[in-house]
Amino acid sequence: MGAAASERTLRVRRAGAGIHERGGRLALCRATSGGESGSGENASKLRYAGPMAAAEAPYKMTSGRPGTIMWNGLGQPVGANPLMVESFGPEGNKTPAFITPPLPGSSPGAAGSPSVSGGFRDTSGSLVTGLGPGVVRGLETRATKEEDQRQKIIDDANAALRDQATVKTMASESDNFTRGPFADHVQEAARYLRLIDPSWNGQVASYEDFTKNAGQLTRQAVRETSARAAVQEFQMIANTLPSPEMSPIGMRRVQNELLGLSDFRIAKAQAQRQWEGTHNNSVSGFETAFATQASPYSFIVARMDPQDRKGLIAKLQGTDEGRNELARLGQQMQVMKGAGLGQY
């Protein structure tokens, strides 16, 4: 009994460890709990791998580079990636254009050609993707000249503001001293008379201030004319500007004319700024457009004394040419008034 019990106990222990006796030999058996279950699951997936891939294939697409065709998992074309290129306009400005390649199997001709959206076209309808050397040089030269002209208009307006202040000061001083022939002799006598009679101080001071401002206007006008002006040019230009020897009416008319010309320069700079705001900061075409809407003469007329303007209108109404001129002046004044420019 003892030997039989010991044999049974040994068999039980071997069975618990997975060791069995086969043909008089001990063998290690495979575990069936985890291993066999995992192998069965993998085999199940392999069985359906082909159908699953076939079902997912139409929805798997290659992204591709711009300008290439997109394909799905079945090797079928499903779309195209457009290629963005830069297109140039006649003014050298750039805008994007998009070229989409045709899908394989498209019919020949227009349907089988790349489709293009956006961009600039030439006279033949082709997309412009570059500018020739001659066009580039022409655009650069034009841009340089336009920028120089733009800055000149701004500089002229700044100078006009200074001139206006000077002319207005001269106009206020001119009523305080004797004008016309021998004005310089009267001033010479007043310089001594003020020493015994202070009432002559106003005459002397106004004349001196007027003379100083007249010299400033002369220097500015000469500088605009020539950088190396001769004495004769100084004298000639000085004779066209307000001077004490002028009559009161003549001086007032000259001063109004100078104010009108300054108004024109200032208004032109203002109009240029408005043009840039509506033309992508470009002044191309501004000079031509402004010349059709305004002229220095209209600003001079606007600065005239009422009596002088009335006499001018009466004179112009006497002829057909004069009436046409009046119509142009009226249109120009209305345009400037509507744009908020000048003194209108």
Protein backbone atom coordinates (compact mmCIF):
# COMPACT_ATOMS: atom_id res chain seq x y z
CA MET A 1 0.00 0.00 0.00
CA GLY A 2 2.80 2.36 0.82
CA ALA A 3 4.55 1.90 -2.53
CA ALA A 4 1.31 2.33 -4.52
CA ALA A 5 0.44 5.54 -2.65
CA SER A 6 3.83 6.99 -3.29
CA GLU A 7 3.51 6.26 -7.03
CA ARG A 8 0.12 7.97 -7.26
CA THR A 9 1.47 11.04 -5.43
CA LEU A 10 4.38 11.34 -7.86
CA ARG A 11 2.07 11.16 -10.88
CA VAL A 12 -0.15 13.89 -9.50
CA ARG A 13 2.82 16.19 -8.96
CA ARG A 14 4.12 15.53 -12.48
CA ALA A 15 0.69 16.24 -13.97
CA GLY A 16 0.48 19.57 -12.09
CA ALA A 17 3.80 20.58 -13.58
CA GLY A 18 2.67 19.58 -17.09
CA ILE A 19 4.90 16.47 -17.15
CA HIS A 20 3.31 13.23 -18.39
CA GLU A 21 4.64 9.84 -19.06
CA ARG A 22 4.52 8.76 -22.71
CA GLY A 23 5.82 5.36 -23.72
CA GLY A 24 7.87 5.09 -20.59
CA ARG A 25 9.33 8.59 -21.11
CA LEU A 26 8.57 11.90 -19.46
CA ALA A 27 7.32 14.68 -21.80
CA LEU A 28 6.55 18.37 -21.28
CA CYS A 29 3.07 19.27 -22.60
CA ARG A 30 2.11 22.75 -24.17
CA ALA A 31 -0.03 25.04 -22.17
CA THR A 32 -3.36 25.52 -23.88
CA SER A 33 -4.88 28.33 -21.86
CA GLY A 34 -3.13 31.43 -23.37
CA GLY A 35 -1.01 30.30 -26.33
CA GLU A 36 -3.64 28.42 -28.26
CA SER A 37 -6.17 31.23 -27.75
CA GLY A 38 -3.76 33.96 -29.15
CA SER A 39 -2.84 31.87 -32.16
CA GLY A 40 -6.49 31.36 -33.00
CA GLU A 41 -7.21 35.12 -32.88
CA ASN A 42 -4.31 35.90 -35.23
CA ALA A 43 -5.42 33.25 -37.63
CA SER A 44 -8.90 34.80 -37.67
CA LYS A 45 -7.46 38.19 -38.59
CA LEU A 46 -5.35 36.78 -41.36
CA ARG A 47 -8.44 35.14 -42.81
CA TYR A 48 -10.13 38.61 -43.26
CA ALA A 49 -7.02 40.73 -44.08
CA GLY A 50 -7.61 40.69 -47.85
CA PRO A 51 -11.29 41.75 -47.81
CA MET A 52 -10.60 44.50 -45.23
CA ALA A 53 -7.77 45.95 -47.30
CA ALA A 54 -9.94 45.84 -50.40
CA ALA A 55 -12.74 47.68 -48.60
CA GLU A 56 -10.41 50.37 -47.24
CA ALA A 57 -8.43 50.87 -50.46
CA PRO A 58 -10.84 53.36 -52.17
CA TYR A 59 -10.60 55.64 -49.13
CA LYS A 60 -6.82 55.65 -48.84
CA MET A 61 -5.36 58.48 -50.97
CA THR A 62 -1.87 59.70 -51.58
CA SER A 63 -1.45 63.42 -50.86
CA GLY A 64 1.20 64.10 -53.50
CA ARG A 65 3.13 67.30 -54.22
CA PRO A 66 1.52 70.46 -55.69
CA GLY A 67 0.90 69.98 -59.38
CA THR A 68 0.49 66.19 -59.16
CA ILE A 69 -2.40 63.72 -59.31
CA MET A 70 -3.92 62.16 -56.15
CA TRP A 71 -4.51 58.36 -56.27
CA ASN A 72 -6.49 56.04 -54.07
CA GLY A 73 -5.45 52.59 -52.86
CA LEU A 74 -6.85 50.95 -56.00
CA GLY A 75 -4.54 53.00 -58.25
CA GLN A 76 -7.41 55.18 -59.46
CA PRO A 77 -7.03 58.99 -59.92
CA VAL A 78 -9.33 60.84 -57.53
CA GLY A 79 -8.17 64.46 -57.89
CA ALA A 80 -5.29 66.84 -58.50
CA ASN A 81 -3.25 69.17 -56.31
CA PRO A 82 -3.08 72.65 -57.86
CA LEU A 83 0.33 74.29 -58.24
CA MET A 84 0.57 77.94 -57.19
CA VAL A 85 2.78 80.19 -59.34
CA GLU A 86 3.39 83.94 -59.43
CA SER A 87 1.85 85.89 -62.27
CA PHE A 88 2.96 89.40 -63.32
CA GLY A 89 0.75 92.24 -64.49
CA PRO A 90 1.66 95.01 -66.97
CA GLU A 91 2.72 97.27 -64.07
CA GLY A 92 4.99 94.58 -62.60
CA ASN A 93 2.53 93.78 -59.81
CA LYS A 94 2.25 90.15 -58.73
CA THR A 95 -0.77 87.97 -58.09
CA PRO A 96 -1.02 84.19 -57.50
CA ALA A 97 -2.27 81.82 -60.18
CA PHE A 98 -3.20 78.16 -59.71
CA ILE A 99 -2.47 75.46 -62.32
CA THR A 100 -4.33 72.18 -61.88
CA PRO A 101 -3.07 69.17 -63.96
CA PRO A 102 -5.65 67.17 -65.95
CA LEU A 103 -6.70 63.77 -64.69
CA PRO A 104 -5.50 60.70 -66.63
CA GLY A 105 -7.98 59.68 -69.25
CA SER A 106 -9.19 63.23 -69.96
CA SER A 107 -10.18 63.89 -73.52
CA PRO A 108 -7.52 65.61 -75.67
CA GLY A 109 -7.70 69.32 -76.30
CA ALA A 110 -8.96 71.88 -73.82
CA ALA A 111 -10.39 69.22 -71.49
CA GLY A 112 -7.04 67.44 -71.34
CA SER A 113 -5.02 70.60 -70.68
CA PRO A 114 -4.16 72.00 -67.25
CA SER A 115 -6.78 74.36 -65.88
CA VAL A 116 -5.59 77.83 -64.78
CA SER A 117 -7.34 80.15 -62.36
CA GLY A 118 -6.31 83.67 -61.40
CA GLY A 119 -3.23 85.50 -62.63
CA PHE A 120 -2.61 87.90 -65.53
CA ARG A 121 -2.91 87.02 -69.21
CA ASP A 122 -1.21 88.46 -72.28
CA THR A 123 -2.99 89.43 -75.48
CA SER A 124 -3.07 85.80 -76.56
CA GLY A 125 -4.68 84.67 -73.32
CA SER A 126 -1.56 82.92 -72.00
CA LEU A 127 -0.59 83.18 -68.36
CA VAL A 128 2.22 85.66 -67.73
CA THR A 129 4.69 84.13 -65.26
CA GLY A 130 7.67 86.38 -65.97
CA LEU A 131 8.71 89.72 -67.46
CA GLY A 132 11.34 90.28 -70.10
CA PRO A 133 14.52 92.29 -69.37
CA GLY A 134 13.30 95.25 -71.42
CA VAL A 135 9.98 95.36 -69.58
CA VAL A 136 11.74 95.15 -66.22
CA ARG A 137 14.08 98.03 -67.08
CA GLY A 138 11.19 100.10 -68.35
CA LEU A 139 9.18 99.52 -65.19
CA GLU A 140 12.16 100.34 -62.99
CA THR A 141 12.84 103.58 -64.88
CA ARG A 142 9.20 104.56 -64.74
CA ALA A 143 8.94 103.77 -61.03
CA THR A 144 12.04 105.88 -60.31
CA LYS A 145 10.70 108.86 -62.24
CA GLU A 146 7.28 108.58 -60.63
CA GLU A 147 8.82 108.43 -57.15
CA ASP A 148 10.96 111.49 -57.92
CA GLN A 149 7.90 113.35 -59.19
CA ARG A 150 5.92 112.29 -56.13
CA GLN A 151 8.57 113.66 -53.80
CA LYS A 152 8.80 116.88 -55.84
CA ILE A 153 5.07 117.46 -55.40
CA ILE A 154 5.45 117.00 -51.65
CA ASP A 155 8.46 119.35 -51.53
CA ASP A 156 6.60 121.96 -53.61
CA ALA A 157 3.67 121.81 -51.20
CA ASN A 158 5.95 122.32 -48.20
CA ALA A 159 7.58 125.30 -49.93
CA ALA A 160 4.13 126.65 -50.81
CA LEU A 161 3.12 126.60 -47.15
CA ARG A 162 6.16 128.71 -46.31
CA ASP A 163 5.51 131.07 -49.21
CA GLN A 164 1.89 131.51 -48.14
CA ALA A 165 2.93 132.50 -44.64
CA THR A 166 5.44 134.97 -46.06
CA VAL A 167 3.02 136.53 -48.56
CA LYS A 168 0.28 136.88 -45.95
CA THR A 169 2.71 138.60 -43.61
CA MET A 170 3.76 140.96 -46.41
CA ALA A 171 0.11 141.72 -47.17
CA SER A 172 -0.56 142.67 -43.57
CA GLU A 173 2.54 144.90 -43.42
CA SER A 174 2.03 146.64 -46.76
CA ASP A 175 -0.86 148.75 -45.48
CA ASN A 176 1.38 150.39 -42.88
CA PHE A 177 3.86 152.17 -45.16
CA THR A 178 3.81 154.36 -48.23
CA ARG A 179 3.84 152.39 -51.51
CA GLY A 180 4.51 153.36 -55.08
CA PRO A 181 7.18 155.60 -56.63
CA PHE A 182 9.72 157.08 -54.21
CA ALA A 183 8.69 154.58 -51.51
CA ASP A 184 12.35 154.08 -50.66
CA HIS A 185 12.87 157.83 -50.29
CA VAL A 186 9.85 158.11 -47.98
CA GLN A 187 11.28 155.26 -45.91
CA GLU A 188 14.66 157.00 -45.70
CA ALA A 189 13.01 160.15 -44.38
CA ALA A 190 10.83 158.14 -41.96
CA ARG A 191 13.92 156.55 -40.42
CA TYR A 192 15.03 159.99 -39.21
CA LEU A 193 11.56 161.31 -38.40
CA ARG A 194 10.88 158.44 -35.99
CA LEU A 195 13.73 159.75 -33.85
CA ILE A 196 11.73 162.88 -33.03
CA ASP A 197 8.24 161.49 -33.60
CA PRO A 198 7.54 157.86 -32.48
CA SER A 199 4.45 157.72 -34.69
CA TRP A 200 6.77 156.95 -37.62
CA ASN A 201 7.94 153.72 -35.97
CA GLY A 202 5.10 151.71 -37.57
CA GLN A 203 6.00 152.92 -41.07
CA VAL A 204 9.67 152.08 -40.63
CA ALA A 205 9.16 148.66 -38.98
CA SER A 206 6.55 147.50 -41.52
CA TYR A 207 8.74 148.57 -44.45
CA GLU A 208 11.75 146.74 -43.03
CA ASP A 209 9.76 143.56 -42.36
CA PHE A 210 8.23 143.71 -45.83
CA THR A 211 11.66 144.12 -47.44
CA LYS A 212 13.07 141.19 -45.48
CA ASN A 213 10.20 138.91 -46.54
CA ALA A 214 10.49 140.09 -50.16
CA GLY A 215 14.16 139.05 -50.10
CA GLN A 216 13.20 135.63 -48.74
CA LEU A 217 10.66 135.12 -51.54
CA THR A 218 13.26 136.19 -54.10
CA ARG A 219 15.86 133.74 -52.81
CA GLN A 220 13.32 130.91 -52.83
CA ALA A 221 12.21 131.73 -56.39
CA VAL A 222 15.82 131.96 -57.61
CA ARG A 223 16.67 128.64 -55.96
CA GLU A 224 13.81 126.97 -57.82
CA THR A 225 14.99 128.51 -61.09
CA SER A 226 18.73 127.88 -60.94
CA ALA A 227 21.30 126.77 -58.41
CA ARG A 228 23.83 129.25 -59.84
CA ALA A 229 21.76 132.26 -60.78
CA ALA A 230 23.50 135.45 -61.92
CA VAL A 231 22.82 138.91 -60.55
CA GLN A 232 20.62 139.73 -63.54
CA GLU A 233 18.42 136.72 -62.74
CA PHE A 234 18.04 137.89 -59.15
CA GLN A 235 16.99 141.35 -60.31
CA MET A 236 14.58 140.03 -62.93
CA ILE A 237 12.87 137.67 -60.47
CA ALA A 238 12.73 140.34 -57.76
CA ASN A 239 10.89 142.66 -60.16
CA THR A 240 8.12 140.07 -60.57
CA LEU A 241 7.47 139.78 -56.83
CA PRO A 242 5.76 142.23 -54.47
CA SER A 243 7.89 145.31 -53.80
CA PRO A 244 7.33 148.66 -52.04
CA GLU A 245 7.44 150.47 -55.42
CA MET A 246 4.23 148.74 -56.57
CA SER A 247 0.89 150.48 -56.40
CA PRO A 248 -1.50 149.29 -53.66
CA ILE A 249 -3.86 147.63 -56.16
CA GLY A 250 -1.04 146.05 -58.16
CA MET A 251 0.60 144.70 -55.02
CA ARG A 252 -2.67 143.18 -53.82
CA ARG A 253 -3.20 141.45 -57.16
CA VAL A 254 0.32 140.03 -57.20
CA GLN A 255 -0.08 138.80 -53.64
CA ASN A 256 -3.40 137.10 -54.49
CA GLU A 257 -1.79 135.45 -57.50
CA LEU A 258 1.05 134.08 -55.37
CA LEU A 259 -1.45 132.78 -52.82
CA GLY A 260 -3.44 131.08 -55.59
CA LEU A 261 -0.32 129.35 -56.94
CA SER A 262 0.52 128.18 -53.43
CA ASP A 263 -3.04 126.87 -53.06
CA PHE A 264 -2.57 124.88 -56.26
CA ARG A 265 0.64 123.23 -55.03
CA ILE A 266 -0.85 122.36 -51.67
CA ALA A 267 -4.02 120.98 -53.26
CA LYS A 268 -1.96 118.89 -55.67
CA ALA A 269 -0.11 117.24 -52.80
CA GLN A 270 -3.43 116.56 -51.05
CA ALA A 271 -4.90 115.07 -54.23
CA GLN A 272 -1.81 112.89 -54.64
CA ARG A 273 -2.30 111.48 -51.15
CA GLN A 274 -5.94 110.71 -51.96
CA TRP A 275 -4.89 109.04 -55.23
CA GLU A 276 -2.39 106.80 -53.43
CA GLY A 277 -5.08 105.74 -50.98
CA THR A 278 -7.26 104.43 -53.82
CA HIS A 279 -4.50 103.11 -56.12
CA ASN A 280 -2.51 100.74 -53.91
CA ASN A 281 0.00 103.44 -52.86
CA SER A 282 0.94 104.08 -56.49
CA VAL A 283 1.09 107.51 -58.18
CA SER A 284 1.03 106.05 -61.68
CA GLY A 285 -1.39 108.08 -63.81
CA PHE A 286 -1.88 110.80 -61.18
CA GLU A 287 -0.31 113.67 -63.11
CA THR A 288 -2.50 113.11 -66.16
CA ALA A 289 -5.66 112.70 -64.10
CA PHE A 290 -5.04 115.80 -61.98
CA ALA A 291 -4.24 117.95 -65.01
CA THR A 292 -7.72 117.24 -66.41
CA GLN A 293 -9.39 118.25 -63.13
CA ALA A 294 -7.51 121.34 -61.99
CA SER A 295 -5.25 124.13 -63.19
CA PRO A 296 -3.28 126.89 -61.45
CA TYR A 297 -5.52 129.47 -63.10
CA SER A 298 -8.63 128.22 -61.29
CA PHE A 299 -6.86 128.66 -57.94
CA ILE A 300 -5.70 132.16 -58.89
CA VAL A 301 -9.24 133.16 -59.82
CA ALA A 302 -10.49 131.78 -56.51
CA ARG A 303 -8.04 134.08 -54.68
CA MET A 304 -9.00 137.24 -56.57
CA ASP A 305 -10.68 140.13 -54.85
CA PRO A 306 -14.45 140.08 -55.53
CA GLN A 307 -14.27 143.18 -57.75
CA ASP A 308 -11.40 141.77 -59.81
CA ARG A 309 -13.18 138.44 -60.23
CA LYS A 310 -16.39 140.16 -61.27
CA GLY A 311 -14.52 142.16 -63.90
CA LEU A 312 -12.80 139.01 -65.22
CA ILE A 313 -16.10 137.14 -65.55
CA ALA A 314 -17.71 140.04 -67.39
CA LYS A 315 -14.77 140.17 -69.79
CA LEU A 316 -14.80 136.42 -70.48
CA GLN A 317 -18.53 136.33 -71.11
CA GLY A 318 -18.05 138.58 -74.14
CA THR A 319 -16.60 135.84 -76.38
CA ASP A 320 -17.25 132.16 -77.11
CA GLU A 321 -13.72 131.27 -76.07
CA GLY A 322 -14.17 133.21 -72.85
CA ARG A 323 -17.44 131.43 -72.07
CA ASN A 324 -15.76 128.06 -72.62
CA GLU A 325 -13.00 129.13 -70.25
CA LEU A 326 -15.56 130.12 -67.64
CA ALA A 327 -17.24 126.72 -67.96
CA ARG A 328 -13.90 124.96 -67.42
CA LEU A 329 -13.13 127.13 -64.42
CA GLY A 330 -16.52 126.34 -62.92
CA GLN A 331 -16.05 122.59 -63.40
CA GLN A 332 -12.56 122.65 -61.91
CA MET A 333 -13.70 124.64 -58.89
CA GLN A 334 -16.55 122.21 -58.28
CA VAL A 335 -14.18 119.22 -58.48
CA MET A 336 -11.75 120.79 -56.04
CA LYS A 337 -14.56 121.81 -53.71
CA GLY A 338 -16.03 118.30 -53.80
CA ALA A 339 -12.66 116.78 -52.97
CA GLY A 340 -12.06 119.22 -50.12
CA LEU A 341 -8.97 120.70 -51.79
CA GLY A 342 -7.68 124.25 -51.88
CA GLN A 343 -9.53 127.30 -50.63
CA TYR A 344 -12.91 126.50 -52.21
